[in-house]
Amino acid sequence: MKKIIIICLMLALSFSPITVKAYWQAFSETLGEAIPQEDGFLLVSGIGLTEDAWDEILLYIDEAEVYDLQTGFAVGPADIYEGDTVRVAYKPLDQIAGDFPIAEALEVFIHAGEPGSADFMVVVSDNIWYSDEGCVFVTLDGKYRIVLDEDTLLLDSYGYEMFFEEITAGMEMFVWANFVTASFPGQVIPDKVVLR
């Protein structure tokens, strides 16, 4: 009986927001300018957002998820052009190529922080409820409490309007926000949301 209880607890923890948060904390982020390389690598030159980030880093991007933050749509590595502002979540590989450390890109966000771009992407948790405010949920990582009201432009990844009832747990949501409070979780009322 003890073994069954322990196994159940391990399975529950393996899918909890706490575990997801810990998983992502094992990786680093950097923000900078994209310089695509002829051999399929992406060189990012810019600002380190963590202690482990470098001024310039060479990234494997074949397996990365690539998103255009001006539209909220998924794109491919071929859609990254020289000079694009990118935010990259990556896994350091402790390898050096010439003067650059090498890492494996997990997610690449194009047009990060540029005018008209999404402020952030979140994953919808199963903690969704409806109130006088509209549709409300806390994100999977617990960082934000998102309030969607009748003034929120809600679109799918093809640009068609969606309804609150169509939002389900696990959806990725690109958010253009009116404001985000400094509290935890941050309180967010978006102008526009793209779901995929």
N, C-alpha and C. Protein backbone atom coordinates (compact mmCIF):
# COMPACT_ATOMS: atom_id res chain seq x y z
N MET A 1 0.82 -1.20 0.00
CA MET A 1 0.00 0.00 0.00
C MET A 1 0.87 1.26 0.00
N LYS A 2 1.94 1.23 0.82
CA LYS A 2 2.84 2.39 0.88
C LYS A 2 3.43 2.69 -0.50
N LYS A 3 3.83 1.63 -1.20
CA LYS A 3 4.43 1.80 -2.53
C LYS A 3 3.46 2.48 -3.49
N ILE A 4 2.18 2.07 -3.45
CA ILE A 4 1.16 2.66 -4.34
C ILE A 4 0.99 4.14 -4.05
N ILE A 5 0.93 4.50 -2.76
CA ILE A 5 0.78 5.90 -2.37
C ILE A 5 1.97 6.73 -2.85
N ILE A 6 3.18 6.20 -2.67
CA ILE A 6 4.40 6.91 -3.10
C ILE A 6 4.40 7.11 -4.61
N ILE A 7 4.02 6.07 -5.36
CA ILE A 7 3.98 6.18 -6.83
C ILE A 7 2.96 7.23 -7.26
N CYS A 8 1.77 7.23 -6.62
CA CYS A 8 0.74 8.23 -6.95
C CYS A 8 1.23 9.65 -6.68
N LEU A 9 1.90 9.84 -5.54
CA LEU A 9 2.45 11.17 -5.22
C LEU A 9 3.49 11.60 -6.23
N MET A 10 4.35 10.68 -6.65
CA MET A 10 5.39 11.01 -7.64
C MET A 10 4.76 11.40 -8.97
N LEU A 11 3.71 10.68 -9.39
CA LEU A 11 3.03 11.01 -10.64
C LEU A 11 2.35 12.38 -10.56
N ALA A 12 1.71 12.67 -9.42
CA ALA A 12 1.05 13.96 -9.24
C ALA A 12 2.05 15.10 -9.31
N LEU A 13 3.19 14.93 -8.64
CA LEU A 13 4.22 15.98 -8.65
C LEU A 13 4.85 16.15 -10.01
N SER A 14 4.93 15.08 -10.79
CA SER A 14 5.60 15.16 -12.09
C SER A 14 4.84 16.05 -13.06
N PHE A 15 3.54 16.32 -12.81
CA PHE A 15 2.76 17.15 -13.72
C PHE A 15 2.32 18.45 -13.07
N SER A 16 2.83 18.76 -11.89
CA SER A 16 2.39 19.96 -11.19
C SER A 16 3.07 21.20 -11.74
N PRO A 17 2.43 22.40 -11.58
CA PRO A 17 3.06 23.64 -12.00
C PRO A 17 4.41 23.87 -11.34
N ILE A 18 4.58 23.37 -10.10
CA ILE A 18 5.85 23.54 -9.41
C ILE A 18 6.96 22.82 -10.17
N THR A 19 6.66 21.59 -10.64
CA THR A 19 7.64 20.82 -11.38
C THR A 19 7.97 21.50 -12.70
N VAL A 20 6.94 22.01 -13.39
CA VAL A 20 7.16 22.70 -14.66
C VAL A 20 8.06 23.91 -14.44
N LYS A 21 7.79 24.66 -13.37
CA LYS A 21 8.59 25.84 -13.07
C LYS A 21 10.04 25.45 -12.81
N ALA A 22 10.25 24.38 -12.02
CA ALA A 22 11.61 23.93 -11.72
C ALA A 22 12.32 23.48 -12.98
N TYR A 23 11.58 22.83 -13.89
CA TYR A 23 12.16 22.35 -15.15
C TYR A 23 12.70 23.53 -15.95
N TRP A 24 11.91 24.60 -16.08
CA TRP A 24 12.34 25.73 -16.88
C TRP A 24 13.44 26.54 -16.21
N GLN A 25 13.53 26.47 -14.89
CA GLN A 25 14.59 27.19 -14.21
C GLN A 25 15.96 26.59 -14.52
N ALA A 26 15.98 25.38 -15.08
CA ALA A 26 17.25 24.74 -15.42
C ALA A 26 17.84 25.32 -16.69
N PHE A 27 17.09 26.16 -17.39
CA PHE A 27 17.53 26.74 -18.65
C PHE A 27 17.75 28.24 -18.52
N SER A 28 18.37 28.82 -19.54
CA SER A 28 18.70 30.23 -19.51
C SER A 28 17.99 30.97 -20.62
N GLU A 29 17.95 32.29 -20.54
CA GLU A 29 17.36 33.13 -21.58
C GLU A 29 18.33 34.22 -21.96
N THR A 30 18.26 34.64 -23.21
CA THR A 30 19.03 35.81 -23.64
C THR A 30 18.20 36.60 -24.64
N LEU A 31 18.41 37.89 -24.66
CA LEU A 31 17.71 38.80 -25.56
C LEU A 31 18.76 39.50 -26.40
N GLY A 32 18.57 39.53 -27.71
CA GLY A 32 19.58 40.20 -28.53
C GLY A 32 19.20 40.25 -29.99
N GLU A 33 20.21 40.48 -30.82
CA GLU A 33 20.01 40.60 -32.26
C GLU A 33 20.37 39.29 -32.93
N ALA A 34 19.50 38.85 -33.86
CA ALA A 34 19.71 37.59 -34.56
C ALA A 34 20.68 37.77 -35.72
N ILE A 35 21.64 36.84 -35.83
CA ILE A 35 22.56 36.81 -36.97
C ILE A 35 22.58 35.37 -37.49
N PRO A 36 21.65 35.01 -38.41
CA PRO A 36 21.62 33.64 -38.93
C PRO A 36 22.93 33.28 -39.61
N GLN A 37 23.37 32.03 -39.43
CA GLN A 37 24.61 31.54 -40.02
C GLN A 37 24.31 30.62 -41.20
N GLU A 38 25.24 30.53 -42.15
CA GLU A 38 25.02 29.71 -43.34
C GLU A 38 24.89 28.23 -43.02
N ASP A 39 25.48 27.78 -41.91
CA ASP A 39 25.43 26.36 -41.57
C ASP A 39 24.19 25.98 -40.77
N GLY A 40 23.22 26.89 -40.66
CA GLY A 40 21.97 26.58 -39.96
C GLY A 40 21.97 26.99 -38.49
N PHE A 41 23.10 27.44 -37.98
CA PHE A 41 23.16 27.93 -36.60
C PHE A 41 22.60 29.35 -36.53
N LEU A 42 22.27 29.79 -35.33
CA LEU A 42 21.85 31.17 -35.11
C LEU A 42 22.79 31.79 -34.09
N LEU A 43 23.43 32.88 -34.47
CA LEU A 43 24.27 33.64 -33.54
C LEU A 43 23.42 34.76 -32.97
N VAL A 44 23.36 34.84 -31.65
CA VAL A 44 22.62 35.92 -30.99
C VAL A 44 23.63 36.81 -30.28
N SER A 45 23.61 38.07 -30.64
CA SER A 45 24.52 39.05 -30.05
C SER A 45 23.69 40.06 -29.29
N GLY A 46 23.88 40.16 -27.99
CA GLY A 46 23.07 41.13 -27.25
C GLY A 46 23.21 41.06 -25.76
N ILE A 47 22.07 41.09 -25.08
CA ILE A 47 22.01 41.28 -23.64
C ILE A 47 21.72 39.96 -22.94
N GLY A 48 22.52 39.61 -21.95
CA GLY A 48 22.25 38.41 -21.16
C GLY A 48 21.19 38.72 -20.11
N LEU A 49 20.16 37.84 -20.01
CA LEU A 49 19.11 38.04 -19.02
C LEU A 49 19.34 37.20 -17.76
N THR A 50 20.31 36.30 -17.80
CA THR A 50 20.62 35.49 -16.61
C THR A 50 22.13 35.51 -16.40
N GLU A 51 22.55 35.00 -15.26
CA GLU A 51 23.98 34.95 -14.95
C GLU A 51 24.73 34.04 -15.92
N ASP A 52 24.02 33.06 -16.49
CA ASP A 52 24.65 32.09 -17.36
C ASP A 52 24.68 32.51 -18.82
N ALA A 53 24.10 33.66 -19.15
CA ALA A 53 24.04 34.09 -20.55
C ALA A 53 25.30 34.87 -20.93
N TRP A 54 25.68 34.78 -22.20
CA TRP A 54 26.86 35.48 -22.70
C TRP A 54 26.43 36.63 -23.62
N ASP A 55 27.39 37.52 -23.94
CA ASP A 55 27.08 38.59 -24.88
C ASP A 55 26.78 38.05 -26.27
N GLU A 56 27.48 36.98 -26.66
CA GLU A 56 27.22 36.35 -27.94
C GLU A 56 27.18 34.84 -27.74
N ILE A 57 26.16 34.21 -28.33
CA ILE A 57 26.01 32.77 -28.17
C ILE A 57 25.56 32.16 -29.49
N LEU A 58 26.14 31.00 -29.83
CA LEU A 58 25.82 30.29 -31.07
C LEU A 58 24.85 29.17 -30.72
N LEU A 59 23.71 29.14 -31.42
CA LEU A 59 22.64 28.24 -31.05
C LEU A 59 22.31 27.21 -32.13
N TYR A 60 22.10 25.96 -31.70
CA TYR A 60 21.42 24.98 -32.55
C TYR A 60 19.94 25.36 -32.54
N ILE A 61 19.31 25.48 -33.70
CA ILE A 61 17.89 25.88 -33.70
C ILE A 61 16.99 24.91 -34.47
N ASP A 62 17.53 23.80 -34.99
CA ASP A 62 16.71 22.87 -35.78
C ASP A 62 15.47 22.39 -35.04
N GLU A 63 15.62 22.08 -33.75
CA GLU A 63 14.52 21.50 -32.99
C GLU A 63 13.75 22.55 -32.17
N ALA A 64 14.12 23.81 -32.30
CA ALA A 64 13.49 24.86 -31.48
C ALA A 64 12.10 25.20 -31.98
N GLU A 65 11.23 25.61 -31.04
CA GLU A 65 9.94 26.18 -31.41
C GLU A 65 10.18 27.68 -31.65
N VAL A 66 9.73 28.17 -32.81
CA VAL A 66 9.98 29.56 -33.20
C VAL A 66 8.64 30.28 -33.33
N TYR A 67 8.52 31.43 -32.66
CA TYR A 67 7.27 32.19 -32.66
C TYR A 67 7.52 33.63 -33.09
N ASP A 68 6.59 34.18 -33.88
CA ASP A 68 6.62 35.59 -34.24
C ASP A 68 5.72 36.34 -33.27
N LEU A 69 6.29 37.18 -32.42
CA LEU A 69 5.52 37.85 -31.39
C LEU A 69 4.70 39.02 -31.91
N GLN A 70 4.85 39.38 -33.18
CA GLN A 70 3.99 40.43 -33.73
C GLN A 70 2.64 39.87 -34.15
N THR A 71 2.61 38.56 -34.46
CA THR A 71 1.36 37.92 -34.86
C THR A 71 0.87 36.91 -33.84
N GLY A 72 1.80 36.34 -33.05
CA GLY A 72 1.46 35.26 -32.13
C GLY A 72 1.49 33.91 -32.80
N PHE A 73 1.91 33.85 -34.07
CA PHE A 73 1.87 32.60 -34.82
C PHE A 73 3.22 31.89 -34.77
N ALA A 74 3.17 30.56 -34.91
CA ALA A 74 4.39 29.75 -35.00
C ALA A 74 4.98 29.91 -36.40
N VAL A 75 6.29 30.05 -36.48
CA VAL A 75 7.00 30.14 -37.75
C VAL A 75 8.17 29.17 -37.71
N GLY A 76 9.07 29.23 -38.69
CA GLY A 76 10.20 28.32 -38.73
C GLY A 76 11.52 29.06 -38.64
N PRO A 77 12.62 28.34 -38.45
CA PRO A 77 13.94 28.97 -38.38
C PRO A 77 14.27 29.82 -39.60
N ALA A 78 13.73 29.46 -40.76
CA ALA A 78 14.00 30.21 -41.99
C ALA A 78 13.37 31.60 -41.96
N ASP A 79 12.44 31.83 -41.01
CA ASP A 79 11.78 33.13 -40.90
C ASP A 79 12.54 34.09 -39.98
N ILE A 80 13.69 33.67 -39.47
CA ILE A 80 14.52 34.56 -38.65
C ILE A 80 15.51 35.26 -39.57
N TYR A 81 15.48 36.59 -39.58
CA TYR A 81 16.35 37.36 -40.47
C TYR A 81 17.37 38.15 -39.66
N GLU A 82 18.47 38.48 -40.31
CA GLU A 82 19.52 39.24 -39.64
C GLU A 82 18.97 40.57 -39.14
N GLY A 83 19.27 40.88 -37.89
CA GLY A 83 18.81 42.13 -37.30
C GLY A 83 17.53 42.01 -36.52
N ASP A 84 16.81 40.87 -36.65
CA ASP A 84 15.60 40.66 -35.86
C ASP A 84 15.94 40.66 -34.37
N THR A 85 15.08 41.25 -33.57
CA THR A 85 15.25 41.16 -32.12
C THR A 85 14.65 39.84 -31.65
N VAL A 86 15.44 39.04 -30.97
CA VAL A 86 14.96 37.73 -30.53
C VAL A 86 15.17 37.54 -29.03
N ARG A 87 14.26 36.78 -28.45
CA ARG A 87 14.45 36.30 -27.07
C ARG A 87 14.52 34.79 -27.18
N VAL A 88 15.53 34.20 -26.59
CA VAL A 88 15.78 32.77 -26.76
C VAL A 88 15.87 32.08 -25.40
N ALA A 89 15.10 30.99 -25.25
CA ALA A 89 15.27 30.09 -24.11
C ALA A 89 16.16 28.95 -24.60
N TYR A 90 17.24 28.68 -23.88
CA TYR A 90 18.22 27.72 -24.38
C TYR A 90 18.83 26.89 -23.26
N LYS A 91 19.44 25.78 -23.69
CA LYS A 91 20.14 24.89 -22.77
C LYS A 91 21.63 24.95 -23.08
N PRO A 92 22.47 25.47 -22.17
CA PRO A 92 23.91 25.52 -22.42
C PRO A 92 24.50 24.12 -22.63
N LEU A 93 25.46 24.00 -23.55
CA LEU A 93 26.06 22.71 -23.85
C LEU A 93 27.53 22.60 -23.46
N ASP A 94 28.08 23.67 -22.87
CA ASP A 94 29.48 23.65 -22.43
C ASP A 94 30.43 23.31 -23.57
N GLN A 95 30.13 23.83 -24.76
CA GLN A 95 31.00 23.66 -25.92
C GLN A 95 31.34 25.02 -26.49
N ILE A 96 32.48 25.11 -27.14
CA ILE A 96 32.91 26.38 -27.74
C ILE A 96 33.16 26.15 -29.24
N ALA A 97 32.66 27.08 -30.07
CA ALA A 97 32.94 27.05 -31.50
C ALA A 97 33.61 28.37 -31.85
N GLY A 98 34.92 28.33 -32.07
CA GLY A 98 35.65 29.58 -32.28
C GLY A 98 35.62 30.39 -31.00
N ASP A 99 35.05 31.59 -31.08
CA ASP A 99 34.98 32.47 -29.90
C ASP A 99 33.64 32.37 -29.18
N PHE A 100 32.73 31.49 -29.66
CA PHE A 100 31.37 31.52 -29.13
C PHE A 100 31.02 30.24 -28.39
N PRO A 101 30.35 30.36 -27.21
CA PRO A 101 29.80 29.17 -26.56
C PRO A 101 28.61 28.66 -27.38
N ILE A 102 28.39 27.35 -27.37
CA ILE A 102 27.29 26.74 -28.12
C ILE A 102 26.21 26.30 -27.15
N ALA A 103 24.94 26.46 -27.58
CA ALA A 103 23.81 26.03 -26.77
C ALA A 103 22.72 25.48 -27.69
N GLU A 104 21.77 24.77 -27.10
CA GLU A 104 20.63 24.24 -27.85
C GLU A 104 19.42 25.12 -27.57
N ALA A 105 18.89 25.75 -28.62
CA ALA A 105 17.71 26.61 -28.46
C ALA A 105 16.47 25.76 -28.26
N LEU A 106 15.63 26.14 -27.29
CA LEU A 106 14.36 25.45 -27.03
C LEU A 106 13.21 26.25 -27.63
N GLU A 107 13.21 27.54 -27.39
CA GLU A 107 12.20 28.44 -27.95
C GLU A 107 12.88 29.71 -28.41
N VAL A 108 12.46 30.20 -29.58
CA VAL A 108 12.97 31.47 -30.12
C VAL A 108 11.76 32.36 -30.39
N PHE A 109 11.75 33.55 -29.78
CA PHE A 109 10.67 34.51 -29.98
C PHE A 109 11.21 35.68 -30.80
N ILE A 110 10.69 35.84 -32.03
CA ILE A 110 11.13 36.92 -32.92
C ILE A 110 10.34 38.19 -32.59
N HIS A 111 10.97 39.36 -32.78
CA HIS A 111 10.36 40.67 -32.52
C HIS A 111 10.05 40.88 -31.04
N ALA A 112 10.84 40.25 -30.18
CA ALA A 112 10.61 40.37 -28.73
C ALA A 112 10.83 41.80 -28.27
N GLY A 113 9.84 42.37 -27.61
CA GLY A 113 9.97 43.72 -27.06
C GLY A 113 9.85 44.83 -28.08
N GLU A 114 9.60 44.50 -29.34
CA GLU A 114 9.44 45.54 -30.36
C GLU A 114 8.02 46.09 -30.32
N PRO A 115 7.80 47.33 -30.82
CA PRO A 115 6.45 47.89 -30.86
C PRO A 115 5.50 46.96 -31.62
N GLY A 116 4.34 46.72 -31.06
CA GLY A 116 3.35 45.86 -31.71
C GLY A 116 3.50 44.40 -31.38
N SER A 117 4.57 44.03 -30.67
CA SER A 117 4.77 42.61 -30.37
C SER A 117 4.06 42.23 -29.07
N ALA A 118 3.82 40.92 -28.90
CA ALA A 118 3.19 40.43 -27.67
C ALA A 118 4.13 40.69 -26.50
N ASP A 119 3.54 40.92 -25.35
CA ASP A 119 4.35 41.17 -24.15
C ASP A 119 4.93 39.86 -23.60
N PHE A 120 4.19 38.77 -23.72
CA PHE A 120 4.70 37.48 -23.27
C PHE A 120 3.79 36.36 -23.77
N MET A 121 4.28 35.12 -23.66
CA MET A 121 3.48 33.94 -23.95
C MET A 121 3.32 33.13 -22.67
N VAL A 122 2.10 32.64 -22.43
CA VAL A 122 1.84 31.82 -21.24
C VAL A 122 1.10 30.56 -21.65
N VAL A 123 1.05 29.59 -20.76
CA VAL A 123 0.28 28.37 -20.98
C VAL A 123 -0.89 28.36 -20.00
N VAL A 124 -2.08 28.10 -20.53
CA VAL A 124 -3.30 28.10 -19.72
C VAL A 124 -3.33 26.87 -18.81
N SER A 125 -3.61 27.09 -17.54
CA SER A 125 -3.73 25.96 -16.60
C SER A 125 -5.17 25.45 -16.62
N ASP A 126 -5.45 24.40 -15.83
CA ASP A 126 -6.82 23.92 -15.74
C ASP A 126 -7.62 24.69 -14.69
N ASN A 127 -7.01 25.73 -14.14
CA ASN A 127 -7.68 26.57 -13.13
C ASN A 127 -8.36 27.74 -13.84
N ILE A 128 -9.45 27.45 -14.55
CA ILE A 128 -10.19 28.46 -15.31
C ILE A 128 -11.56 28.64 -14.65
N TRP A 129 -11.97 29.88 -14.47
CA TRP A 129 -13.31 30.10 -13.92
C TRP A 129 -13.92 31.35 -14.55
N TYR A 130 -15.22 31.50 -14.37
CA TYR A 130 -15.96 32.62 -14.94
C TYR A 130 -16.55 33.45 -13.80
N SER A 131 -16.48 34.76 -13.95
CA SER A 131 -16.99 35.65 -12.91
C SER A 131 -17.60 36.87 -13.60
N ASP A 132 -17.98 37.87 -12.79
CA ASP A 132 -18.51 39.11 -13.35
C ASP A 132 -17.46 39.82 -14.19
N GLU A 133 -16.18 39.53 -13.92
CA GLU A 133 -15.09 40.16 -14.68
C GLU A 133 -14.99 39.56 -16.08
N GLY A 134 -15.40 38.30 -16.25
CA GLY A 134 -15.26 37.60 -17.52
C GLY A 134 -14.64 36.23 -17.30
N CYS A 135 -13.71 35.86 -18.16
CA CYS A 135 -13.00 34.59 -18.04
C CYS A 135 -11.69 34.84 -17.30
N VAL A 136 -11.42 34.07 -16.27
CA VAL A 136 -10.24 34.30 -15.43
C VAL A 136 -9.49 32.98 -15.27
N PHE A 137 -8.15 33.04 -15.34
CA PHE A 137 -7.36 31.85 -15.04
C PHE A 137 -5.98 32.25 -14.56
N VAL A 138 -5.33 31.35 -13.86
CA VAL A 138 -3.93 31.51 -13.46
C VAL A 138 -3.10 30.66 -14.42
N THR A 139 -1.97 31.19 -14.87
CA THR A 139 -1.15 30.46 -15.85
C THR A 139 -0.52 29.22 -15.22
N LEU A 140 -0.10 28.31 -16.09
CA LEU A 140 0.43 27.03 -15.63
C LEU A 140 1.62 27.19 -14.68
N ASP A 141 2.49 28.18 -14.95
CA ASP A 141 3.63 28.39 -14.06
C ASP A 141 3.29 29.23 -12.84
N GLY A 142 2.02 29.68 -12.75
CA GLY A 142 1.58 30.44 -11.58
C GLY A 142 2.02 31.88 -11.55
N LYS A 143 2.65 32.38 -12.63
CA LYS A 143 3.20 33.74 -12.60
C LYS A 143 2.15 34.83 -12.82
N TYR A 144 1.07 34.50 -13.56
CA TYR A 144 0.11 35.53 -13.93
C TYR A 144 -1.32 35.08 -13.68
N ARG A 145 -2.16 36.04 -13.27
CA ARG A 145 -3.61 35.84 -13.22
C ARG A 145 -4.18 36.68 -14.36
N ILE A 146 -4.71 36.01 -15.39
CA ILE A 146 -5.18 36.67 -16.59
C ILE A 146 -6.69 36.86 -16.51
N VAL A 147 -7.15 38.09 -16.76
CA VAL A 147 -8.58 38.38 -16.76
C VAL A 147 -8.98 38.81 -18.18
N LEU A 148 -9.80 38.00 -18.83
CA LEU A 148 -10.30 38.32 -20.17
C LEU A 148 -11.72 38.84 -20.03
N ASP A 149 -11.97 40.06 -20.51
CA ASP A 149 -13.31 40.61 -20.42
C ASP A 149 -13.86 40.86 -21.82
N GLU A 150 -15.02 41.49 -21.90
CA GLU A 150 -15.69 41.69 -23.20
C GLU A 150 -14.91 42.60 -24.13
N ASP A 151 -13.96 43.37 -23.61
CA ASP A 151 -13.16 44.27 -24.44
C ASP A 151 -11.91 43.60 -25.01
N THR A 152 -11.62 42.35 -24.58
CA THR A 152 -10.42 41.65 -25.04
C THR A 152 -10.64 41.08 -26.44
N LEU A 153 -9.72 41.39 -27.36
CA LEU A 153 -9.75 40.79 -28.69
C LEU A 153 -9.14 39.40 -28.58
N LEU A 154 -9.95 38.36 -28.82
CA LEU A 154 -9.53 36.98 -28.62
C LEU A 154 -9.52 36.27 -29.97
N LEU A 155 -8.33 35.86 -30.44
CA LEU A 155 -8.17 35.28 -31.77
C LEU A 155 -7.50 33.91 -31.71
N ASP A 156 -7.76 33.06 -32.73
CA ASP A 156 -6.99 31.84 -32.86
C ASP A 156 -5.79 32.11 -33.75
N SER A 157 -4.96 31.09 -33.99
CA SER A 157 -3.72 31.30 -34.73
C SER A 157 -3.92 31.56 -36.22
N TYR A 158 -5.19 31.51 -36.68
CA TYR A 158 -5.50 31.85 -38.07
C TYR A 158 -6.12 33.25 -38.18
N GLY A 159 -6.31 33.91 -37.02
CA GLY A 159 -6.87 35.26 -37.02
C GLY A 159 -8.37 35.32 -36.86
N TYR A 160 -9.02 34.16 -36.59
CA TYR A 160 -10.47 34.15 -36.41
C TYR A 160 -10.81 34.40 -34.94
N GLU A 161 -11.92 35.10 -34.72
CA GLU A 161 -12.33 35.43 -33.36
C GLU A 161 -12.76 34.17 -32.61
N MET A 162 -12.40 34.12 -31.33
CA MET A 162 -12.76 32.99 -30.48
C MET A 162 -13.65 33.46 -29.34
N PHE A 163 -14.22 32.47 -28.62
CA PHE A 163 -15.06 32.75 -27.46
C PHE A 163 -14.39 32.19 -26.20
N PHE A 164 -14.72 32.77 -25.04
CA PHE A 164 -14.12 32.33 -23.78
C PHE A 164 -14.24 30.81 -23.60
N GLU A 165 -15.41 30.28 -23.96
CA GLU A 165 -15.70 28.86 -23.71
C GLU A 165 -14.77 27.93 -24.49
N GLU A 166 -14.08 28.45 -25.51
CA GLU A 166 -13.19 27.62 -26.32
C GLU A 166 -11.79 27.51 -25.74
N ILE A 167 -11.52 28.24 -24.67
CA ILE A 167 -10.20 28.18 -24.03
C ILE A 167 -10.11 26.92 -23.19
N THR A 168 -9.06 26.13 -23.42
CA THR A 168 -8.88 24.90 -22.66
C THR A 168 -7.46 24.85 -22.06
N ALA A 169 -7.29 24.05 -21.03
CA ALA A 169 -5.99 23.90 -20.38
C ALA A 169 -4.96 23.40 -21.39
N GLY A 170 -3.74 23.92 -21.30
CA GLY A 170 -2.66 23.50 -22.18
C GLY A 170 -2.48 24.39 -23.39
N MET A 171 -3.46 25.26 -23.68
CA MET A 171 -3.32 26.17 -24.82
C MET A 171 -2.20 27.18 -24.55
N GLU A 172 -1.47 27.54 -25.61
CA GLU A 172 -0.47 28.60 -25.52
C GLU A 172 -1.15 29.91 -25.88
N MET A 173 -0.89 30.94 -25.08
CA MET A 173 -1.57 32.21 -25.23
C MET A 173 -0.56 33.34 -25.34
N PHE A 174 -0.58 34.05 -26.47
CA PHE A 174 0.24 35.24 -26.65
C PHE A 174 -0.57 36.44 -26.16
N VAL A 175 0.03 37.26 -25.31
CA VAL A 175 -0.71 38.30 -24.60
C VAL A 175 -0.14 39.69 -24.92
N TRP A 176 -1.03 40.57 -25.38
CA TRP A 176 -0.73 42.00 -25.50
C TRP A 176 -1.48 42.65 -24.34
N ALA A 177 -0.77 43.18 -23.35
CA ALA A 177 -1.38 43.56 -22.08
C ALA A 177 -1.57 45.07 -21.93
N ASN A 178 -2.70 45.47 -21.29
CA ASN A 178 -2.89 46.84 -20.86
C ASN A 178 -1.88 47.18 -19.78
N PHE A 179 -1.79 46.29 -18.80
CA PHE A 179 -0.83 46.47 -17.72
C PHE A 179 -0.60 45.13 -17.02
N VAL A 180 0.51 45.03 -16.35
CA VAL A 180 0.83 43.85 -15.53
C VAL A 180 1.32 44.36 -14.19
N THR A 181 0.68 43.95 -13.11
CA THR A 181 1.11 44.41 -11.79
C THR A 181 2.36 43.67 -11.35
N ALA A 182 3.06 44.22 -10.37
CA ALA A 182 4.29 43.62 -9.87
C ALA A 182 4.02 42.57 -8.80
N SER A 183 2.75 42.29 -8.53
CA SER A 183 2.41 41.29 -7.51
C SER A 183 2.70 39.88 -8.02
N PHE A 184 2.58 38.90 -7.14
CA PHE A 184 2.72 37.50 -7.57
C PHE A 184 1.48 36.75 -7.11
N PRO A 185 0.65 36.21 -8.03
CA PRO A 185 0.85 36.33 -9.47
C PRO A 185 0.54 37.73 -9.98
N GLY A 186 1.17 38.10 -11.09
CA GLY A 186 0.90 39.39 -11.71
C GLY A 186 -0.53 39.45 -12.24
N GLN A 187 -1.22 40.56 -12.02
CA GLN A 187 -2.60 40.72 -12.48
C GLN A 187 -2.56 41.33 -13.89
N VAL A 188 -3.15 40.63 -14.86
CA VAL A 188 -3.06 41.03 -16.26
C VAL A 188 -4.45 41.19 -16.86
N ILE A 189 -4.69 42.35 -17.51
CA ILE A 189 -5.90 42.54 -18.32
C ILE A 189 -5.42 42.84 -19.73
N PRO A 190 -5.55 41.88 -20.65
CA PRO A 190 -4.99 42.06 -22.01
C PRO A 190 -5.90 42.89 -22.92
N ASP A 191 -5.27 43.54 -23.90
CA ASP A 191 -6.00 44.16 -25.01
C ASP A 191 -6.32 43.09 -26.05
N LYS A 192 -5.33 42.23 -26.31
CA LYS A 192 -5.43 41.25 -27.39
C LYS A 192 -4.78 39.95 -26.94
N VAL A 193 -5.37 38.83 -27.38
CA VAL A 193 -4.83 37.51 -27.06
C VAL A 193 -4.91 36.64 -28.32
N VAL A 194 -3.84 35.92 -28.62
CA VAL A 194 -3.85 34.93 -29.70
C VAL A 194 -3.60 33.57 -29.07
N LEU A 195 -4.52 32.63 -29.33
CA LEU A 195 -4.44 31.29 -28.74
C LEU A 195 -4.07 30.26 -29.79
N ARG A 196 -3.25 29.28 -29.39
CA ARG A 196 -2.94 28.17 -30.30
C ARG A 196 -2.78 26.88 -29.49
